[in-house]
């Protein structure tokens, strides 16, 4: 899950186009119906990356290997009361 709610791709493109037309961040926020900070971060992200795609997230590290998972599943299917 992201730390904050994300703006959909359509609105990100709209924000960038309005910014290129010379509109202020406050005006863009009213038109797109989001916060000024969201507009600012969207413009900043586009300036850094050159695109509107989400950054890849790392996720939580695995505690068990795939082999351990298979073993746990096999054990739980043998005796359902163990789990």
PDB file of N, CA and C in Angstrom:
ATOM      1  N   UNK A   1       0.836  -1.183   0.000  1.00  0.00           N
ATOM      2  CA  UNK A   1       0.000   0.000   0.000  1.00  0.00           C
ATOM      3  C   UNK A   1       0.880   1.245   0.000  1.00  0.00           C
ATOM      4  N   UNK A   2       0.499   2.241  -0.787  1.00  0.00           N
ATOM      5  CA  UNK A   2       1.254   3.483  -0.774  1.00  0.00           C
ATOM      6  C   UNK A   2       0.998   4.265   0.499  1.00  0.00           C
ATOM      7  N   UNK A   3       1.904   5.166   0.833  1.00  0.00           N
ATOM      8  CA  UNK A   3       1.756   5.969   2.033  1.00  0.00           C
ATOM      9  C   UNK A   3       0.585   6.934   1.921  1.00  0.00           C
ATOM     10  N   UNK A   4       0.299   7.373   0.706  1.00  0.00           N
ATOM     11  CA  UNK A   4      -0.816   8.288   0.490  1.00  0.00           C
ATOM     12  C   UNK A   4      -1.619   7.808  -0.712  1.00  0.00           C
ATOM     13  N   UNK A   5      -2.846   8.300  -0.830  1.00  0.00           N
ATOM     14  CA  UNK A   5      -3.660   7.871  -1.965  1.00  0.00           C
ATOM     15  C   UNK A   5      -3.056   8.420  -3.251  1.00  0.00           C
ATOM     16  N   UNK A   6      -3.158   7.655  -4.290  1.00  0.00           N
ATOM     17  CA  UNK A   6      -2.530   8.016  -5.545  1.00  0.00           C
ATOM     18  C   UNK A   6      -3.538   8.647  -6.495  1.00  0.00           C
ATOM     19  N   UNK A   7      -3.044   9.525  -7.332  1.00  0.00           N
ATOM     20  CA  UNK A   7      -3.852  10.151  -8.363  1.00  0.00           C
ATOM     21  C   UNK A   7      -3.808   9.247  -9.586  1.00  0.00           C
ATOM     22  N   UNK A   8      -4.959   9.045 -10.222  1.00  0.00           N
ATOM     23  CA  UNK A   8      -4.966   8.150 -11.375  1.00  0.00           C
ATOM     24  C   UNK A   8      -4.208   8.767 -12.547  1.00  0.00           C
ATOM     25  N   UNK A   9      -3.851   7.931 -13.487  1.00  0.00           N
ATOM     26  CA  UNK A   9      -2.991   8.319 -14.605  1.00  0.00           C
ATOM     27  C   UNK A   9      -3.606   9.446 -15.442  1.00  0.00           C
ATOM     28  N   UNK A  10      -4.910   9.394 -15.639  1.00  0.00           N
ATOM     29  CA  UNK A  10      -5.590  10.418 -16.435  1.00  0.00           C
ATOM     30  C   UNK A  10      -5.410  11.806 -15.809  1.00  0.00           C
ATOM     31  N   UNK A  11      -5.575  11.890 -14.489  1.00  0.00           N
ATOM     32  CA  UNK A  11      -5.421  13.174 -13.806  1.00  0.00           C
ATOM     33  C   UNK A  11      -3.970  13.636 -13.785  1.00  0.00           C
ATOM     34  N   UNK A  12      -3.022  12.708 -13.719  1.00  0.00           N
ATOM     35  CA  UNK A  12      -1.604  13.086 -13.761  1.00  0.00           C
ATOM     36  C   UNK A  12      -1.258  13.752 -15.087  1.00  0.00           C
ATOM     37  N   UNK A  13      -1.776  13.188 -16.178  1.00  0.00           N
ATOM     38  CA  UNK A  13      -1.530  13.776 -17.500  1.00  0.00           C
ATOM     39  C   UNK A  13      -2.188  15.148 -17.591  1.00  0.00           C
ATOM     40  N   UNK A  14      -3.411  15.254 -17.056  1.00  0.00           N
ATOM     41  CA  UNK A  14      -4.127  16.527 -17.069  1.00  0.00           C
ATOM     42  C   UNK A  14      -3.366  17.590 -16.277  1.00  0.00           C
ATOM     43  N   UNK A  15      -2.814  17.202 -15.121  1.00  0.00           N
ATOM     44  CA  UNK A  15      -2.028  18.125 -14.298  1.00  0.00           C
ATOM     45  C   UNK A  15      -0.820  18.621 -15.083  1.00  0.00           C
ATOM     46  N   UNK A  16      -0.129  17.714 -15.754  1.00  0.00           N
ATOM     47  CA  UNK A  16       1.073  18.093 -16.509  1.00  0.00           C
ATOM     48  C   UNK A  16       0.733  19.047 -17.649  1.00  0.00           C
ATOM     49  N   UNK A  17      -0.367  18.776 -18.353  1.00  0.00           N
ATOM     50  CA  UNK A  17      -0.763  19.655 -19.459  1.00  0.00           C
ATOM     51  C   UNK A  17      -1.126  21.047 -18.957  1.00  0.00           C
ATOM     52  N   UNK A  18      -1.862  21.115 -17.855  1.00  0.00           N
ATOM     53  CA  UNK A  18      -2.233  22.413 -17.293  1.00  0.00           C
ATOM     54  C   UNK A  18      -0.998  23.165 -16.802  1.00  0.00           C
ATOM     55  N   UNK A  19      -0.037  22.441 -16.257  1.00  0.00           N
ATOM     56  CA  UNK A  19       1.202  23.065 -15.790  1.00  0.00           C
ATOM     57  C   UNK A  19       1.992  23.644 -16.965  1.00  0.00           C
ATOM     58  N   UNK A  20       2.026  22.921 -18.079  1.00  0.00           N
ATOM     59  CA  UNK A  20       2.729  23.399 -19.268  1.00  0.00           C
ATOM     60  C   UNK A  20       2.036  24.609 -19.881  1.00  0.00           C
ATOM     61  N   UNK A  21       0.719  24.746 -19.652  1.00  0.00           N
ATOM     62  CA  UNK A  21      -0.017  25.909 -20.147  1.00  0.00           C
ATOM     63  C   UNK A  21       0.224  27.147 -19.285  1.00  0.00           C
ATOM     64  N   UNK A  22       0.893  26.967 -18.149  1.00  0.00           N
ATOM     65  CA  UNK A  22       1.227  28.099 -17.303  1.00  0.00           C
ATOM     66  C   UNK A  22       0.258  28.344 -16.158  1.00  0.00           C
ATOM     67  N   UNK A  23      -0.614  27.399 -15.878  1.00  0.00           N
ATOM     68  CA  UNK A  23      -1.553  27.547 -14.769  1.00  0.00           C
ATOM     69  C   UNK A  23      -0.819  27.375 -13.442  1.00  0.00           C
ATOM     70  N   UNK A  24      -1.344  28.010 -12.391  1.00  0.00           N
ATOM     71  CA  UNK A  24      -0.731  27.878 -11.065  1.00  0.00           C
ATOM     72  C   UNK A  24      -1.150  26.554 -10.443  1.00  0.00           C
ATOM     73  N   UNK A  25      -0.420  26.139  -9.422  1.00  0.00           N
ATOM     74  CA  UNK A  25      -0.723  24.873  -8.753  1.00  0.00           C
ATOM     75  C   UNK A  25      -2.094  24.935  -8.079  1.00  0.00           C
ATOM     76  N   UNK A  26      -2.443  26.105  -7.559  1.00  0.00           N
ATOM     77  CA  UNK A  26      -3.734  26.272  -6.889  1.00  0.00           C
ATOM     78  C   UNK A  26      -4.883  26.123  -7.890  1.00  0.00           C
ATOM     79  N   UNK A  27      -4.735  26.712  -9.079  1.00  0.00           N
ATOM     80  CA  UNK A  27      -5.765  26.589 -10.115  1.00  0.00           C
ATOM     81  C   UNK A  27      -5.905  25.140 -10.578  1.00  0.00           C
ATOM     82  N   UNK A  28      -4.777  24.484 -10.775  1.00  0.00           N
ATOM     83  CA  UNK A  28      -4.787  23.081 -11.216  1.00  0.00           C
ATOM     84  C   UNK A  28      -5.488  22.209 -10.176  1.00  0.00           C
ATOM     85  N   UNK A  29      -5.193  22.458  -8.903  1.00  0.00           N
ATOM     86  CA  UNK A  29      -5.806  21.667  -7.831  1.00  0.00           C
ATOM     87  C   UNK A  29      -7.320  21.809  -7.840  1.00  0.00           C
ATOM     88  N   UNK A  30      -7.819  23.004  -8.108  1.00  0.00           N
ATOM     89  CA  UNK A  30      -9.270  23.213  -8.158  1.00  0.00           C
ATOM     90  C   UNK A  30      -9.889  22.503  -9.357  1.00  0.00           C
ATOM     91  N   UNK A  31      -9.209  22.569 -10.511  1.00  0.00           N
ATOM     92  CA  UNK A  31      -9.744  21.944 -11.716  1.00  0.00           C
ATOM     93  C   UNK A  31      -9.762  20.418 -11.624  1.00  0.00           C
ATOM     94  N   UNK A  32      -8.700  19.832 -11.060  1.00  0.00           N
ATOM     95  CA  UNK A  32      -8.576  18.378 -10.995  1.00  0.00           C
ATOM     96  C   UNK A  32      -9.235  17.811  -9.735  1.00  0.00           C
ATOM     97  N   UNK A  33      -9.561  18.707  -8.780  1.00  0.00           N
ATOM     98  CA  UNK A  33     -10.192  18.343  -7.504  1.00  0.00           C
ATOM     99  C   UNK A  33      -9.279  17.440  -6.667  1.00  0.00           C
ATOM    100  N   UNK A  34      -8.078  17.955  -6.413  1.00  0.00           N
ATOM    101  CA  UNK A  34      -7.145  17.297  -5.514  1.00  0.00           C
ATOM    102  C   UNK A  34      -6.377  18.386  -4.767  1.00  0.00           C
ATOM    103  N   UNK A  35      -5.528  18.012  -3.853  1.00  0.00           N
ATOM    104  CA  UNK A  35      -4.805  18.994  -3.056  1.00  0.00           C
ATOM    105  C   UNK A  35      -3.666  19.630  -3.854  1.00  0.00           C
ATOM    106  N   UNK A  36      -3.244  20.804  -3.411  1.00  0.00           N
ATOM    107  CA  UNK A  36      -2.140  21.497  -4.061  1.00  0.00           C
ATOM    108  C   UNK A  36      -0.855  20.699  -3.904  1.00  0.00           C
ATOM    109  N   UNK A  37      -0.686  20.058  -2.759  1.00  0.00           N
ATOM    110  CA  UNK A  37       0.508  19.248  -2.525  1.00  0.00           C
ATOM    111  C   UNK A  37       0.576  18.066  -3.495  1.00  0.00           C
ATOM    112  N   UNK A  38      -0.579  17.475  -3.814  1.00  0.00           N
ATOM    113  CA  UNK A  38      -0.618  16.371  -4.776  1.00  0.00           C
ATOM    114  C   UNK A  38      -0.209  16.863  -6.160  1.00  0.00           C
ATOM    115  N   UNK A  39      -0.649  18.066  -6.512  1.00  0.00           N
ATOM    116  CA  UNK A  39      -0.271  18.659  -7.796  1.00  0.00           C
ATOM    117  C   UNK A  39       1.235  18.895  -7.821  1.00  0.00           C
ATOM    118  N   UNK A  40       1.754  19.446  -6.736  1.00  0.00           N
ATOM    119  CA  UNK A  40       3.187  19.742  -6.650  1.00  0.00           C
ATOM    120  C   UNK A  40       4.023  18.468  -6.774  1.00  0.00           C
ATOM    121  N   UNK A  41       3.631  17.412  -6.077  1.00  0.00           N
ATOM    122  CA  UNK A  41       4.408  16.172  -6.130  1.00  0.00           C
ATOM    123  C   UNK A  41       4.310  15.510  -7.506  1.00  0.00           C
ATOM    124  N   UNK A  42       3.161  15.639  -8.176  1.00  0.00           N
ATOM    125  CA  UNK A  42       3.002  15.080  -9.514  1.00  0.00           C
ATOM    126  C   UNK A  42       3.910  15.797 -10.513  1.00  0.00           C
ATOM    127  N   UNK A  43       3.961  17.114 -10.424  1.00  0.00           N
ATOM    128  CA  UNK A  43       4.829  17.892 -11.311  1.00  0.00           C
ATOM    129  C   UNK A  43       6.297  17.565 -11.036  1.00  0.00           C
ATOM    130  N   UNK A  44       6.637  17.434  -9.765  1.00  0.00           N
ATOM    131  CA  UNK A  44       8.011  17.122  -9.379  1.00  0.00           C
ATOM    132  C   UNK A  44       8.417  15.738  -9.878  1.00  0.00           C
ATOM    133  N   UNK A  45       7.521  14.756  -9.746  1.00  0.00           N
ATOM    134  CA  UNK A  45       7.813  13.399 -10.209  1.00  0.00           C
ATOM    135  C   UNK A  45       8.040  13.369 -11.715  1.00  0.00           C
ATOM    136  N   UNK A  46       7.193  14.120 -12.459  1.00  0.00           N
ATOM    137  CA  UNK A  46       7.355  14.136 -13.908  1.00  0.00           C
ATOM    138  C   UNK A  46       8.673  14.790 -14.301  1.00  0.00           C
ATOM    139  N   UNK A  47       9.079  15.827 -13.574  1.00  0.00           N
ATOM    140  CA  UNK A  47      10.347  16.499 -13.868  1.00  0.00           C
ATOM    141  C   UNK A  47      11.537  15.569 -13.623  1.00  0.00           C
ATOM    142  N   UNK A  48      11.448  14.729 -12.590  1.00  0.00           N
ATOM    143  CA  UNK A  48      12.549  13.823 -12.247  1.00  0.00           C
ATOM    144  C   UNK A  48      12.613  12.615 -13.169  1.00  0.00           C
ATOM    145  N   UNK A  49      11.463  11.983 -13.424  1.00  0.00           N
ATOM    146  CA  UNK A  49      11.447  10.721 -14.156  1.00  0.00           C
ATOM    147  C   UNK A  49      11.107  10.867 -15.624  1.00  0.00           C
ATOM    148  N   UNK A  50      10.384  11.927 -15.983  1.00  0.00           N
ATOM    149  CA  UNK A  50       9.981  12.108 -17.370  1.00  0.00           C
ATOM    150  C   UNK A  50       8.769  11.279 -17.764  1.00  0.00           C
ATOM    151  N   UNK A  51       8.091  10.668 -16.794  1.00  0.00           N
ATOM    152  CA  UNK A  51       6.911   9.852 -17.071  1.00  0.00           C
ATOM    153  C   UNK A  51       5.923   9.914 -15.935  1.00  0.00           C
ATOM    154  N   UNK A  52       4.782   9.268 -16.136  1.00  0.00           N
ATOM    155  CA  UNK A  52       3.725   9.286 -15.131  1.00  0.00           C
ATOM    156  C   UNK A  52       3.528   7.940 -14.445  1.00  0.00           C
ATOM    157  N   UNK A  53       4.356   6.963 -14.739  1.00  0.00           N
ATOM    158  CA  UNK A  53       4.172   5.608 -14.198  1.00  0.00           C
ATOM    159  C   UNK A  53       4.512   5.569 -12.701  1.00  0.00           C
ATOM    160  N   UNK A  54       3.891   4.630 -11.999  1.00  0.00           N
ATOM    161  CA  UNK A  54       4.191   4.437 -10.583  1.00  0.00           C
ATOM    162  C   UNK A  54       5.589   3.864 -10.420  1.00  0.00           C
ATOM    163  N   UNK A  55       6.221   4.212  -9.307  1.00  0.00           N
ATOM    164  CA  UNK A  55       7.528   3.640  -9.008  1.00  0.00           C
ATOM    165  C   UNK A  55       7.324   2.214  -8.499  1.00  0.00           C
ATOM    166  N   UNK A  56       8.222   1.297  -8.819  1.00  0.00           N
ATOM    167  CA  UNK A  56       8.068  -0.066  -8.298  1.00  0.00           C
ATOM    168  C   UNK A  56       8.288  -0.091  -6.792  1.00  0.00           C
ATOM    169  N   UNK A  57       7.520  -0.901  -6.113  1.00  0.00           N
ATOM    170  CA  UNK A  57       7.630  -1.008  -4.659  1.00  0.00           C
ATOM    171  C   UNK A  57       8.329  -2.311  -4.304  1.00  0.00           C
ATOM    172  N   UNK A  58       9.034  -2.311  -3.196  1.00  0.00           N
ATOM    173  CA  UNK A  58       9.810  -3.480  -2.822  1.00  0.00           C
ATOM    174  C   UNK A  58       8.953  -4.537  -2.144  1.00  0.00           C
ATOM    175  N   UNK A  59       8.093  -4.162  -1.260  1.00  0.00           N
ATOM    176  CA  UNK A  59       7.270  -5.122  -0.541  1.00  0.00           C
ATOM    177  C   UNK A  59       8.009  -5.718   0.635  1.00  0.00           C
ATOM    178  N   UNK A  60       7.326  -6.561   1.369  1.00  0.00           N
ATOM    179  CA  UNK A  60       7.904  -7.171   2.552  1.00  0.00           C
ATOM    180  C   UNK A  60       8.801  -8.333   2.162  1.00  0.00           C
ATOM    181  N   UNK A  61       9.891  -8.511   2.896  1.00  0.00           N
ATOM    182  CA  UNK A  61      10.813  -9.612   2.641  1.00  0.00           C
ATOM    183  C   UNK A  61      10.155 -10.928   3.065  1.00  0.00           C
ATOM    184  N   UNK A  62      10.450 -11.991   2.320  1.00  0.00           N
ATOM    185  CA  UNK A  62       9.889 -13.307   2.656  1.00  0.00           C
ATOM    186  C   UNK A  62      10.607 -13.897   3.856  1.00  0.00           C
ATOM    187  N   UNK A  63       9.837 -14.522   4.754  1.00  0.00           N
ATOM    188  CA  UNK A  63      10.413 -15.178   5.920  1.00  0.00           C
ATOM    189  C   UNK A  63      10.666 -16.656   5.660  1.00  0.00           C
ATOM    190  N   UNK A  64       9.893 -17.230   4.739  1.00  0.00           N
ATOM    191  CA  UNK A  64      10.075 -18.646   4.410  1.00  0.00           C
ATOM    192  C   UNK A  64      10.384 -18.769   2.928  1.00  0.00           C
ATOM    193  N   UNK A  65      11.081 -19.845   2.600  1.00  0.00           N
ATOM    194  CA  UNK A  65      11.383 -20.096   1.190  1.00  0.00           C
ATOM    195  C   UNK A  65      10.204 -20.826   0.549  1.00  0.00           C
ATOM    196  N   UNK A  66      10.242 -20.982  -0.748  1.00  0.00           N
ATOM    197  CA  UNK A  66       9.171 -21.703  -1.443  1.00  0.00           C
ATOM    198  C   UNK A  66       9.141 -23.159  -0.996  1.00  0.00           C
ATOM    199  N   UNK A  67      10.308 -23.709  -0.714  1.00  0.00           N
ATOM    200  CA  UNK A  67      10.383 -25.092  -0.248  1.00  0.00           C
ATOM    201  C   UNK A  67       9.711 -25.229   1.114  1.00  0.00           C
ATOM    202  N   UNK A  68       9.973 -24.269   2.019  1.00  0.00           N
ATOM    203  CA  UNK A  68       9.324 -24.283   3.331  1.00  0.00           C
ATOM    204  C   UNK A  68       7.810 -24.153   3.208  1.00  0.00           C
ATOM    205  N   UNK A  69       7.357 -23.329   2.274  1.00  0.00           N
ATOM    206  CA  UNK A  69       5.922 -23.156   2.057  1.00  0.00           C
ATOM    207  C   UNK A  69       5.274 -24.471   1.632  1.00  0.00           C
ATOM    208  N   UNK A  70       5.921 -25.166   0.700  1.00  0.00           N
ATOM    209  CA  UNK A  70       5.368 -26.449   0.248  1.00  0.00           C
ATOM    210  C   UNK A  70       5.303 -27.452   1.400  1.00  0.00           C
ATOM    211  N   UNK A  71       6.336 -27.443   2.243  1.00  0.00           N
ATOM    212  CA  UNK A  71       6.374 -28.360   3.384  1.00  0.00           C
ATOM    213  C   UNK A  71       5.256 -28.043   4.373  1.00  0.00           C
ATOM    214  N   UNK A  72       5.034 -26.755   4.646  1.00  0.00           N
ATOM    215  CA  UNK A  72       3.961 -26.357   5.563  1.00  0.00           C
ATOM    216  C   UNK A  72       2.587 -26.748   5.027  1.00  0.00           C
ATOM    217  N   UNK A  73       2.390 -26.564   3.731  1.00  0.00           N
ATOM    218  CA  UNK A  73       1.110 -26.930   3.128  1.00  0.00           C
ATOM    219  C   UNK A  73       0.889 -28.436   3.216  1.00  0.00           C
ATOM    220  N   UNK A  74       1.946 -29.197   2.933  1.00  0.00           N
ATOM    221  CA  UNK A  74       1.841 -30.653   2.997  1.00  0.00           C
ATOM    222  C   UNK A  74       1.494 -31.105   4.417  1.00  0.00           C
ATOM    223  N   UNK A  75       2.149 -30.521   5.424  1.00  0.00           N
ATOM    224  CA  UNK A  75       1.893 -30.884   6.822  1.00  0.00           C
ATOM    225  C   UNK A  75       0.461 -30.521   7.230  1.00  0.00           C
ATOM    226  N   UNK A  76      -0.013 -29.348   6.803  1.00  0.00           N
ATOM    227  CA  UNK A  76      -1.351 -28.930   7.198  1.00  0.00           C
ATOM    228  C   UNK A  76      -2.417 -29.795   6.522  1.00  0.00           C
ATOM    229  N   UNK A  77      -2.160 -30.291   5.326  1.00  0.00           N
ATOM    230  CA  UNK A  77      -3.116 -31.165   4.658  1.00  0.00           C
ATOM    231  C   UNK A  77      -3.144 -32.549   5.306  1.00  0.00           C
ATOM    232  N   UNK A  78      -2.030 -32.983   5.881  1.00  0.00           N
ATOM    233  CA  UNK A  78      -1.995 -34.270   6.583  1.00  0.00           C
ATOM    234  C   UNK A  78      -2.859 -34.232   7.840  1.00  0.00           C
ATOM    235  N   UNK A  79      -2.647 -33.192   8.635  1.00  0.00           N
ATOM    236  CA  UNK A  79      -3.348 -33.084   9.913  1.00  0.00           C
ATOM    237  C   UNK A  79      -3.850 -31.651  10.072  1.00  0.00           C
ATOM    238  N   UNK A  80      -5.136 -31.472   9.854  1.00  0.00           N
ATOM    239  CA  UNK A  80      -5.709 -30.127   9.867  1.00  0.00           C
ATOM    240  C   UNK A  80      -5.727 -29.505  11.252  1.00  0.00           C
ATOM    241  N   UNK A  81      -5.654 -30.294  12.297  1.00  0.00           N
ATOM    242  CA  UNK A  81      -5.688 -29.771  13.661  1.00  0.00           C
ATOM    243  C   UNK A  81      -4.346 -29.178  14.090  1.00  0.00           C
ATOM    244  N   UNK A  82      -3.295 -29.467  13.359  1.00  0.00           N
ATOM    245  CA  UNK A  82      -1.976 -28.926  13.679  1.00  0.00           C
ATOM    246  C   UNK A  82      -1.913 -27.419  13.505  1.00  0.00           C
ATOM    247  N   UNK A  83      -2.606 -26.930  12.507  1.00  0.00           N
ATOM    248  CA  UNK A  83      -2.547 -25.501  12.230  1.00  0.00           C
ATOM    249  C   UNK A  83      -3.477 -24.763  13.153  1.00  0.00           C
TER     250      UNK A  83
END
